[in-house]
C-alpha cells in the first residue's frame, strides 16, 4: 500500500511541473533582463503565465514527506528528470537507498517498475486532458481580484444567472472551479487550488528561495499532505536522448492492477 501512495504522490509532482512552470532560467544561467510586466494585468495575462511555462527541462533530486490525517506516513528520496510538456522519469529510493520504484511518463504512456517484484504496471493515460487548456481557460467565466501582494485569478460558473457577472469571489451565485494566485512582483504562480461544487479538493503551493528557484512544494488532497523538497536542480539543460525509453521487466501487468486499492481514496 505504501508504494502505491508514493507512486500517486509522484504523479502529482508530474502534474505540478506541467501546470506551474515555476522556475526561472537564472537557476543555471547568468541573470537575463526580465521583460517589464504589462501596464494592465488582465485574466488573459495570467492565463498566458499558466499555459506557457518557463520550464522546458528539469533534473535534480527530491525528498518527499507524506502525511495522512496529520500523521507521518514516511519519507522518501528520489531523482527526477522532466521534459516539457509530457515526459518525466522518476526513481524512488527506499531505506538504504535501494530502488523502491521507477516511474515513466512519456506522453500517453505511463509505466511503474517495481524492481523487487521484477514487474511493470503500464497503461496509456490521457494526461493531456488533466492539464490547463488555454482555449478553455480563455472562454471560461473568469475575473481577477487584487491584493497588496497578489493577483488572484478565479475560474467560476454561476448557479443561477450565468449572464450576471459580479466580479467578487464572495458572490453567492458563484460556483468556484479553480483559483490561481500570482505574486505581483513578477507574476510567479504561487498556488493552484481546484474545486468541486465550490469545495476545495486539490491544492498546490510553491515556496521559493531568495534566488526565486522552487525550494518546496506542498500538495494537499483529501486528508493527505505531500511536502516535496527540491535540491540540486538544473533547469533547461539538455537531457540524454534515450532517458525516456520504455522500462523493462520480466512481468507485465495493467496499471489498474497496481492502483486499484489506492485510487478510490483520491
C-alpha atoms as a PDB file:
ATOM      1  CA  UNK A   1       0.000   0.000   0.000  1.00  0.00           C
ATOM      2  CA  UNK A   2       2.831   2.395   0.855  1.00  0.00           C
ATOM      3  CA  UNK A   3       4.422   2.037  -2.575  1.00  0.00           C
ATOM      4  CA  UNK A   4       1.067   2.948  -4.112  1.00  0.00           C
ATOM      5  CA  UNK A   5       0.940   6.136  -2.034  1.00  0.00           C
ATOM      6  CA  UNK A   6       4.458   7.020  -3.186  1.00  0.00           C
ATOM      7  CA  UNK A   7       3.596   6.452  -6.854  1.00  0.00           C
ATOM      8  CA  UNK A   8       0.417   8.550  -6.694  1.00  0.00           C
ATOM      9  CA  UNK A   9       2.404  11.265  -4.910  1.00  0.00           C
ATOM     10  CA  UNK A  10       4.893  11.474  -7.748  1.00  0.00           C
ATOM     11  CA  UNK A  11       2.069  11.538 -10.293  1.00  0.00           C
ATOM     12  CA  UNK A  12       1.055  14.765  -8.569  1.00  0.00           C
ATOM     13  CA  UNK A  13       4.653  16.005  -8.823  1.00  0.00           C
ATOM     14  CA  UNK A  14       4.392  15.459 -12.579  1.00  0.00           C
ATOM     15  CA  UNK A  15       1.167  17.451 -12.712  1.00  0.00           C
ATOM     16  CA  UNK A  16       2.803  20.240 -10.704  1.00  0.00           C
ATOM     17  CA  UNK A  17       5.684  20.738 -13.118  1.00  0.00           C
ATOM     18  CA  UNK A  18       3.408  20.692 -16.140  1.00  0.00           C
ATOM     19  CA  UNK A  19       0.948  23.158 -14.624  1.00  0.00           C
ATOM     20  CA  UNK A  20       3.241  25.592 -12.881  1.00  0.00           C
ATOM     21  CA  UNK A  21       6.349  26.165 -14.993  1.00  0.00           C
ATOM     22  CA  UNK A  22       7.573  27.974 -11.905  1.00  0.00           C
ATOM     23  CA  UNK A  23      11.344  28.095 -12.093  1.00  0.00           C
ATOM     24  CA  UNK A  24      13.432  30.777 -13.741  1.00  0.00           C
ATOM     25  CA  UNK A  25      16.186  30.109 -16.239  1.00  0.00           C
ATOM     26  CA  UNK A  26      18.521  32.032 -13.938  1.00  0.00           C
ATOM     27  CA  UNK A  27      18.860  28.884 -11.819  1.00  0.00           C
ATOM     28  CA  UNK A  28      21.602  27.648 -14.146  1.00  0.00           C
ATOM     29  CA  UNK A  29      22.446  30.765 -16.136  1.00  0.00           C
ATOM     30  CA  UNK A  30      23.507  34.305 -15.522  1.00  0.00           C
ATOM     31  CA  UNK A  31      20.509  36.567 -14.894  1.00  0.00           C
ATOM     32  CA  UNK A  32      18.972  37.944 -18.055  1.00  0.00           C
ATOM     33  CA  UNK A  33      16.985  41.127 -18.438  1.00  0.00           C
ATOM     34  CA  UNK A  34      13.397  40.457 -17.403  1.00  0.00           C
ATOM     35  CA  UNK A  35      10.706  41.950 -19.669  1.00  0.00           C
ATOM     36  CA  UNK A  36       8.588  44.538 -17.864  1.00  0.00           C
ATOM     37  CA  UNK A  37       5.152  43.459 -16.727  1.00  0.00           C
ATOM     38  CA  UNK A  38       2.169  44.730 -18.728  1.00  0.00           C
ATOM     39  CA  UNK A  39       0.728  48.012 -17.503  1.00  0.00           C
ATOM     40  CA  UNK A  40      -2.650  46.361 -17.054  1.00  0.00           C
ATOM     41  CA  UNK A  41      -2.966  42.814 -15.752  1.00  0.00           C
ATOM     42  CA  UNK A  42      -5.943  41.008 -17.275  1.00  0.00           C
ATOM     43  CA  UNK A  43      -7.213  37.426 -16.989  1.00  0.00           C
ATOM     44  CA  UNK A  44      -5.565  36.730 -20.347  1.00  0.00           C
ATOM     45  CA  UNK A  45      -2.211  37.918 -18.970  1.00  0.00           C
ATOM     46  CA  UNK A  46      -2.437  35.369 -16.154  1.00  0.00           C
ATOM     47  CA  UNK A  47      -3.739  32.577 -18.390  1.00  0.00           C
ATOM     48  CA  UNK A  48      -0.668  33.116 -20.564  1.00  0.00           C
ATOM     49  CA  UNK A  49       1.520  32.539 -17.474  1.00  0.00           C
ATOM     50  CA  UNK A  50      -0.328  29.308 -16.666  1.00  0.00           C
ATOM     51  CA  UNK A  51      -0.206  27.804 -20.150  1.00  0.00           C
ATOM     52  CA  UNK A  52       3.271  28.936 -21.290  1.00  0.00           C
ATOM     53  CA  UNK A  53       5.641  27.584 -18.619  1.00  0.00           C
ATOM     54  CA  UNK A  54       9.297  28.583 -18.471  1.00  0.00           C
ATOM     55  CA  UNK A  55      10.492  25.087 -17.548  1.00  0.00           C
ATOM     56  CA  UNK A  56      11.472  23.131 -20.673  1.00  0.00           C
ATOM     57  CA  UNK A  57      13.696  20.546 -18.948  1.00  0.00           C
ATOM     58  CA  UNK A  58      14.473  19.888 -15.291  1.00  0.00           C
ATOM     59  CA  UNK A  59      16.678  17.441 -13.426  1.00  0.00           C
ATOM     60  CA  UNK A  60      17.549  17.106  -9.766  1.00  0.00           C
ATOM     61  CA  UNK A  61      16.867  15.282  -6.527  1.00  0.00           C
ATOM     62  CA  UNK A  62      13.703  15.434  -4.467  1.00  0.00           C
ATOM     63  CA  UNK A  63      12.673  14.463  -0.951  1.00  0.00           C
ATOM     64  CA  UNK A  64       9.065  13.505  -0.297  1.00  0.00           C
ATOM     65  CA  UNK A  65       7.306  13.552   3.096  1.00  0.00           C
ATOM     66  CA  UNK A  66       3.806  12.056   3.217  1.00  0.00           C
ATOM     67  CA  UNK A  67       1.215  12.882   5.893  1.00  0.00           C
ATOM     68  CA  UNK A  68      -2.294  11.466   6.211  1.00  0.00           C
ATOM     69  CA  UNK A  69      -4.689  12.840   8.814  1.00  0.00           C
ATOM     70  CA  UNK A  70      -1.724  14.752  10.235  1.00  0.00           C
ATOM     71  CA  UNK A  71       0.280  11.565  10.801  1.00  0.00           C
ATOM     72  CA  UNK A  72       3.593  10.919   9.056  1.00  0.00           C
ATOM     73  CA  UNK A  73       3.455   8.007   6.608  1.00  0.00           C
ATOM     74  CA  UNK A  74       7.070   8.050   5.528  1.00  0.00           C
ATOM     75  CA  UNK A  75       9.930   9.957   3.945  1.00  0.00           C
ATOM     76  CA  UNK A  76      11.347   9.042   0.550  1.00  0.00           C
ATOM     77  CA  UNK A  77      14.071  10.359  -1.718  1.00  0.00           C
ATOM     78  CA  UNK A  78      14.144  10.368  -5.472  1.00  0.00           C
ATOM     79  CA  UNK A  79      15.781  11.529  -8.666  1.00  0.00           C
ATOM     80  CA  UNK A  80      13.669  13.377 -11.195  1.00  0.00           C
ATOM     81  CA  UNK A  81      14.060  14.138 -14.914  1.00  0.00           C
ATOM     82  CA  UNK A  82      11.437  16.207 -16.718  1.00  0.00           C
ATOM     83  CA  UNK A  83      10.925  17.436 -20.283  1.00  0.00           C
ATOM     84  CA  UNK A  84       8.065  19.742 -21.197  1.00  0.00           C
ATOM     85  CA  UNK A  85       5.289  19.029 -21.746  1.00  0.00           C
ATOM     86  CA  UNK A  86       4.542  15.345 -21.127  1.00  0.00           C
ATOM     87  CA  UNK A  87       7.730  13.445 -20.291  1.00  0.00           C
ATOM     88  CA  UNK A  88       9.089  12.580 -16.859  1.00  0.00           C
ATOM     89  CA  UNK A  89      11.182   9.833 -15.298  1.00  0.00           C
ATOM     90  CA  UNK A  90      11.437   9.369 -11.534  1.00  0.00           C
ATOM     91  CA  UNK A  91      13.461   6.910  -9.469  1.00  0.00           C
ATOM     92  CA  UNK A  92      12.224   6.495  -5.887  1.00  0.00           C
ATOM     93  CA  UNK A  93      14.560   5.221  -3.166  1.00  0.00           C
ATOM     94  CA  UNK A  94      13.608   3.360  -0.019  1.00  0.00           C
ATOM     95  CA  UNK A  95      15.700   2.646   3.097  1.00  0.00           C
ATOM     96  CA  UNK A  96      19.411   2.022   2.457  1.00  0.00           C
ATOM     97  CA  UNK A  97      18.972   3.624  -0.997  1.00  0.00           C
ATOM     98  CA  UNK A  98      17.536   0.574  -2.728  1.00  0.00           C
ATOM     99  CA  UNK A  99      15.224   1.420  -5.625  1.00  0.00           C
ATOM    100  CA  UNK A 100      11.638   1.219  -4.419  1.00  0.00           C
ATOM    101  CA  UNK A 101      10.076   2.145  -7.756  1.00  0.00           C
ATOM    102  CA  UNK A 102      10.677   3.780 -11.117  1.00  0.00           C
ATOM    103  CA  UNK A 103       8.051   5.819 -12.922  1.00  0.00           C
ATOM    104  CA  UNK A 104       7.997   6.798 -16.565  1.00  0.00           C
ATOM    105  CA  UNK A 105       5.613   9.273 -18.182  1.00  0.00           C
ATOM    106  CA  UNK A 106       6.042   9.645 -21.948  1.00  0.00           C
ATOM    107  CA  UNK A 107       3.118  11.482 -23.494  1.00  0.00           C
ATOM    108  CA  UNK A 108       0.320   8.911 -23.136  1.00  0.00           C
ATOM    109  CA  UNK A 109       2.455   6.056 -21.786  1.00  0.00           C
ATOM    110  CA  UNK A 110       2.605   5.621 -18.003  1.00  0.00           C
ATOM    111  CA  UNK A 111       4.764   2.830 -16.506  1.00  0.00           C
ATOM    112  CA  UNK A 112       5.553   1.830 -12.920  1.00  0.00           C
ATOM    113  CA  UNK A 113       8.501  -0.530 -12.367  1.00  0.00           C
ATOM    114  CA  UNK A 114       8.785  -2.365  -9.024  1.00  0.00           C
ATOM    115  CA  UNK A 115      12.305  -3.887  -9.080  1.00  0.00           C
ATOM    116  CA  UNK A 116      11.771  -6.181  -6.070  1.00  0.00           C
ATOM    117  CA  UNK A 117       8.948  -7.890  -7.986  1.00  0.00           C
ATOM    118  CA  UNK A 118      10.609  -7.526 -11.404  1.00  0.00           C
ATOM    119  CA  UNK A 119       7.218  -6.240 -12.533  1.00  0.00           C
ATOM    120  CA  UNK A 120       5.954  -3.378 -14.672  1.00  0.00           C
ATOM    121  CA  UNK A 121       2.469  -1.887 -14.478  1.00  0.00           C
ATOM    122  CA  UNK A 122       1.568   0.201 -17.523  1.00  0.00           C
ATOM    123  CA  UNK A 123      -1.224   1.825 -19.452  1.00  0.00           C
ATOM    124  CA  UNK A 124      -1.921   4.626 -21.893  1.00  0.00           C
ATOM    125  CA  UNK A 125      -3.298   7.542 -19.906  1.00  0.00           C
ATOM    126  CA  UNK A 126      -4.637  10.771 -21.492  1.00  0.00           C
ATOM    127  CA  UNK A 127      -2.616  13.087 -19.229  1.00  0.00           C
ATOM    128  CA  UNK A 128      -3.216  15.996 -21.588  1.00  0.00           C
ATOM    129  CA  UNK A 129      -6.849  16.132 -20.506  1.00  0.00           C
ATOM    130  CA  UNK A 130      -5.750  16.805 -16.910  1.00  0.00           C
ATOM    131  CA  UNK A 131      -3.772  19.951 -17.709  1.00  0.00           C
ATOM    132  CA  UNK A 132      -4.980  23.533 -18.122  1.00  0.00           C
ATOM    133  CA  UNK A 133      -6.198  24.137 -21.652  1.00  0.00           C
ATOM    134  CA  UNK A 134      -5.608  27.679 -22.882  1.00  0.00           C
ATOM    135  CA  UNK A 135      -8.709  27.842 -25.075  1.00  0.00           C
ATOM    136  CA  UNK A 136     -10.959  26.553 -22.298  1.00  0.00           C
ATOM    137  CA  UNK A 137      -9.493  28.978 -19.761  1.00  0.00           C
ATOM    138  CA  UNK A 138      -9.881  31.937 -22.124  1.00  0.00           C
ATOM    139  CA  UNK A 139     -13.510  31.006 -22.826  1.00  0.00           C
ATOM    140  CA  UNK A 140     -14.306  30.396 -19.160  1.00  0.00           C
ATOM    141  CA  UNK A 141     -16.076  32.803 -16.841  1.00  0.00           C
ATOM    142  CA  UNK A 142     -13.173  34.407 -15.026  1.00  0.00           C
ATOM    143  CA  UNK A 143     -12.108  37.511 -13.156  1.00  0.00           C
ATOM    144  CA  UNK A 144      -9.203  38.893 -11.125  1.00  0.00           C
ATOM    145  CA  UNK A 145      -9.008  40.122  -7.561  1.00  0.00           C
ATOM    146  CA  UNK A 146      -6.011  42.198  -6.490  1.00  0.00           C
ATOM    147  CA  UNK A 147      -4.457  42.223  -3.008  1.00  0.00           C
ATOM    148  CA  UNK A 148      -1.384  44.033  -1.685  1.00  0.00           C
ATOM    149  CA  UNK A 149       0.940  41.231  -2.827  1.00  0.00           C
ATOM    150  CA  UNK A 150      -1.039  39.056  -5.233  1.00  0.00           C
ATOM    151  CA  UNK A 151      -3.247  38.825  -8.275  1.00  0.00           C
ATOM    152  CA  UNK A 152      -5.821  36.051  -7.899  1.00  0.00           C
ATOM    153  CA  UNK A 153      -7.449  34.567 -10.999  1.00  0.00           C
ATOM    154  CA  UNK A 154     -10.836  32.920 -10.388  1.00  0.00           C
ATOM    155  CA  UNK A 155     -12.357  30.408 -12.806  1.00  0.00           C
ATOM    156  CA  UNK A 156     -16.053  30.147 -11.966  1.00  0.00           C
ATOM    157  CA  UNK A 157     -19.523  29.174 -13.069  1.00  0.00           C
ATOM    158  CA  UNK A 158     -22.855  30.632 -11.999  1.00  0.00           C
ATOM    159  CA  UNK A 159     -25.591  28.593 -10.399  1.00  0.00           C
ATOM    160  CA  UNK A 160     -28.480  30.908 -11.193  1.00  0.00           C
ATOM    161  CA  UNK A 161     -27.873  33.628 -13.779  1.00  0.00           C
ATOM    162  CA  UNK A 162     -24.831  32.980 -15.943  1.00  0.00           C
ATOM    163  CA  UNK A 163     -25.224  36.317 -17.722  1.00  0.00           C
ATOM    164  CA  UNK A 164     -24.821  38.266 -14.499  1.00  0.00           C
ATOM    165  CA  UNK A 165     -21.125  38.833 -13.805  1.00  0.00           C
ATOM    166  CA  UNK A 166     -20.317  40.300 -10.404  1.00  0.00           C
ATOM    167  CA  UNK A 167     -16.556  40.424 -10.041  1.00  0.00           C
ATOM    168  CA  UNK A 168     -16.246  39.358  -6.435  1.00  0.00           C
ATOM    169  CA  UNK A 169     -15.292  35.982  -5.025  1.00  0.00           C
ATOM    170  CA  UNK A 170     -17.982  36.060  -2.302  1.00  0.00           C
ATOM    171  CA  UNK A 171     -20.855  36.307  -4.781  1.00  0.00           C
ATOM    172  CA  UNK A 172     -23.368  33.690  -3.521  1.00  0.00           C
ATOM    173  CA  UNK A 173     -24.255  32.737  -7.103  1.00  0.00           C
ATOM    174  CA  UNK A 174     -20.698  31.697  -7.921  1.00  0.00           C
ATOM    175  CA  UNK A 175     -19.651  28.065  -8.266  1.00  0.00           C
ATOM    176  CA  UNK A 176     -15.887  28.168  -7.807  1.00  0.00           C
ATOM    177  CA  UNK A 177     -13.923  25.838 -10.126  1.00  0.00           C
ATOM    178  CA  UNK A 178     -10.295  26.984  -9.797  1.00  0.00           C
ATOM    179  CA  UNK A 179      -8.182  29.687  -8.189  1.00  0.00           C
ATOM    180  CA  UNK A 180      -4.661  30.685  -9.274  1.00  0.00           C
ATOM    181  CA  UNK A 181      -2.597  33.039  -7.105  1.00  0.00           C
ATOM    182  CA  UNK A 182       0.308  35.038  -8.602  1.00  0.00           C
ATOM    183  CA  UNK A 183       2.881  37.230  -6.870  1.00  0.00           C
ATOM    184  CA  UNK A 184       2.519  40.799  -8.095  1.00  0.00           C
ATOM    185  CA  UNK A 185       6.262  41.419  -8.345  1.00  0.00           C
ATOM    186  CA  UNK A 186       6.886  39.002 -11.246  1.00  0.00           C
ATOM    187  CA  UNK A 187       3.612  37.083 -11.806  1.00  0.00           C
ATOM    188  CA  UNK A 188       5.083  33.935 -10.264  1.00  0.00           C
ATOM    189  CA  UNK A 189       2.355  31.288  -9.956  1.00  0.00           C
ATOM    190  CA  UNK A 190       2.447  30.676  -6.206  1.00  0.00           C
ATOM    191  CA  UNK A 191      -0.568  28.437  -5.689  1.00  0.00           C
ATOM    192  CA  UNK A 192      -3.242  26.475  -7.542  1.00  0.00           C
ATOM    193  CA  UNK A 193      -6.497  25.341  -5.951  1.00  0.00           C
ATOM    194  CA  UNK A 194      -9.102  23.215  -7.723  1.00  0.00           C
ATOM    195  CA  UNK A 195     -12.696  22.918  -6.515  1.00  0.00           C
ATOM    196  CA  UNK A 196     -15.653  20.600  -6.866  1.00  0.00           C
ATOM    197  CA  UNK A 197     -19.013  22.236  -6.126  1.00  0.00           C
ATOM    198  CA  UNK A 198     -17.053  25.156  -4.616  1.00  0.00           C
ATOM    199  CA  UNK A 199     -15.295  22.869  -2.122  1.00  0.00           C
ATOM    200  CA  UNK A 200     -11.523  22.587  -2.487  1.00  0.00           C
ATOM    201  CA  UNK A 201     -10.428  19.059  -3.352  1.00  0.00           C
ATOM    202  CA  UNK A 202      -6.868  19.687  -4.557  1.00  0.00           C
ATOM    203  CA  UNK A 203      -4.243  22.340  -3.861  1.00  0.00           C
ATOM    204  CA  UNK A 204      -0.612  23.138  -4.639  1.00  0.00           C
ATOM    205  CA  UNK A 205       1.560  25.816  -3.014  1.00  0.00           C
ATOM    206  CA  UNK A 206       5.148  26.575  -4.069  1.00  0.00           C
ATOM    207  CA  UNK A 207       7.823  28.189  -1.904  1.00  0.00           C
ATOM    208  CA  UNK A 208      10.910  29.801  -3.434  1.00  0.00           C
ATOM    209  CA  UNK A 209      14.445  30.656  -2.382  1.00  0.00           C
ATOM    210  CA  UNK A 210      15.781  34.216  -2.463  1.00  0.00           C
ATOM    211  CA  UNK A 211      17.099  33.382  -5.941  1.00  0.00           C
ATOM    212  CA  UNK A 212      13.487  32.636  -6.958  1.00  0.00           C
ATOM    213  CA  UNK A 213      14.094  28.939  -7.564  1.00  0.00           C
ATOM    214  CA  UNK A 214      11.442  26.479  -6.295  1.00  0.00           C
ATOM    215  CA  UNK A 215      12.519  25.016  -2.944  1.00  0.00           C
ATOM    216  CA  UNK A 216       9.421  23.306  -1.527  1.00  0.00           C
ATOM    217  CA  UNK A 217       6.077  22.211  -2.931  1.00  0.00           C
ATOM    218  CA  UNK A 218       3.079  21.471  -0.716  1.00  0.00           C
ATOM    219  CA  UNK A 219       0.308  19.386  -2.287  1.00  0.00           C
ATOM    220  CA  UNK A 220      -2.904  18.574  -0.436  1.00  0.00           C
ATOM    221  CA  UNK A 221      -5.864  16.449  -1.451  1.00  0.00           C
ATOM    222  CA  UNK A 222      -8.472  14.682   0.637  1.00  0.00           C
ATOM    223  CA  UNK A 223      -6.730  14.201   4.017  1.00  0.00           C
ATOM    224  CA  UNK A 224      -3.260  13.791   2.534  1.00  0.00           C
ATOM    225  CA  UNK A 225      -0.436  16.364   2.580  1.00  0.00           C
ATOM    226  CA  UNK A 226       2.714  15.957   0.491  1.00  0.00           C
ATOM    227  CA  UNK A 227       5.794  18.035   1.247  1.00  0.00           C
ATOM    228  CA  UNK A 228       8.326  17.924  -1.592  1.00  0.00           C
ATOM    229  CA  UNK A 229      11.777  19.449  -1.163  1.00  0.00           C
ATOM    230  CA  UNK A 230      13.803  20.147  -4.320  1.00  0.00           C
ATOM    231  CA  UNK A 231      17.608  20.004  -4.330  1.00  0.00           C
ATOM    232  CA  UNK A 232      20.443  20.374  -6.854  1.00  0.00           C
ATOM    233  CA  UNK A 233      18.039  21.474  -9.570  1.00  0.00           C
ATOM    234  CA  UNK A 234      19.202  22.171 -13.109  1.00  0.00           C
ATOM    235  CA  UNK A 235      16.735  23.949 -15.360  1.00  0.00           C
ATOM    236  CA  UNK A 236      16.634  23.908 -19.172  1.00  0.00           C
ATOM    237  CA  UNK A 237      19.744  21.780 -19.558  1.00  0.00           C
ATOM    238  CA  UNK A 238      19.689  19.211 -22.416  1.00  0.00           C
ATOM    239  CA  UNK A 239      18.806  15.650 -21.359  1.00  0.00           C
ATOM    240  CA  UNK A 240      20.115  12.420 -22.878  1.00  0.00           C
ATOM    241  CA  UNK A 241      18.055  11.338 -25.866  1.00  0.00           C
ATOM    242  CA  UNK A 242      17.289   7.829 -24.540  1.00  0.00           C
ATOM    243  CA  UNK A 243      16.498   8.865 -20.970  1.00  0.00           C
ATOM    244  CA  UNK A 244      12.762   8.328 -21.524  1.00  0.00           C
ATOM    245  CA  UNK A 245      12.965   4.919 -23.206  1.00  0.00           C
ATOM    246  CA  UNK A 246      10.331   2.407 -22.001  1.00  0.00           C
ATOM    247  CA  UNK A 247      11.061   0.483 -18.793  1.00  0.00           C
ATOM    248  CA  UNK A 248      11.525  -3.294 -18.930  1.00  0.00           C
ATOM    249  CA  UNK A 249      10.822  -6.237 -16.588  1.00  0.00           C
ATOM    250  CA  UNK A 250      10.009  -9.930 -16.869  1.00  0.00           C
ATOM    251  CA  UNK A 251       6.385  -9.488 -15.770  1.00  0.00           C
ATOM    252  CA  UNK A 252       3.868  -7.013 -17.198  1.00  0.00           C
ATOM    253  CA  UNK A 253       0.512  -6.043 -15.696  1.00  0.00           C
ATOM    254  CA  UNK A 254      -2.122  -3.358 -16.340  1.00  0.00           C
ATOM    255  CA  UNK A 255      -1.694  -0.166 -14.332  1.00  0.00           C
ATOM    256  CA  UNK A 256      -5.166  -0.603 -12.837  1.00  0.00           C
ATOM    257  CA  UNK A 257      -3.900  -3.706 -11.028  1.00  0.00           C
ATOM    258  CA  UNK A 258      -1.312  -1.599  -9.208  1.00  0.00           C
ATOM    259  CA  UNK A 259      -3.547   1.362  -8.313  1.00  0.00           C
ATOM    260  CA  UNK A 260      -6.804  -0.473  -7.568  1.00  0.00           C
ATOM    261  CA  UNK A 261      -6.503  -0.268  -3.769  1.00  0.00           C
ATOM    262  CA  UNK A 262      -5.442   3.362  -3.683  1.00  0.00           C
ATOM    263  CA  UNK A 263      -7.330   5.099  -6.473  1.00  0.00           C
ATOM    264  CA  UNK A 264     -10.753   5.196  -4.742  1.00  0.00           C
ATOM    265  CA  UNK A 265      -9.349   7.370  -1.939  1.00  0.00           C
ATOM    266  CA  UNK A 266      -8.131  10.095  -4.310  1.00  0.00           C
END
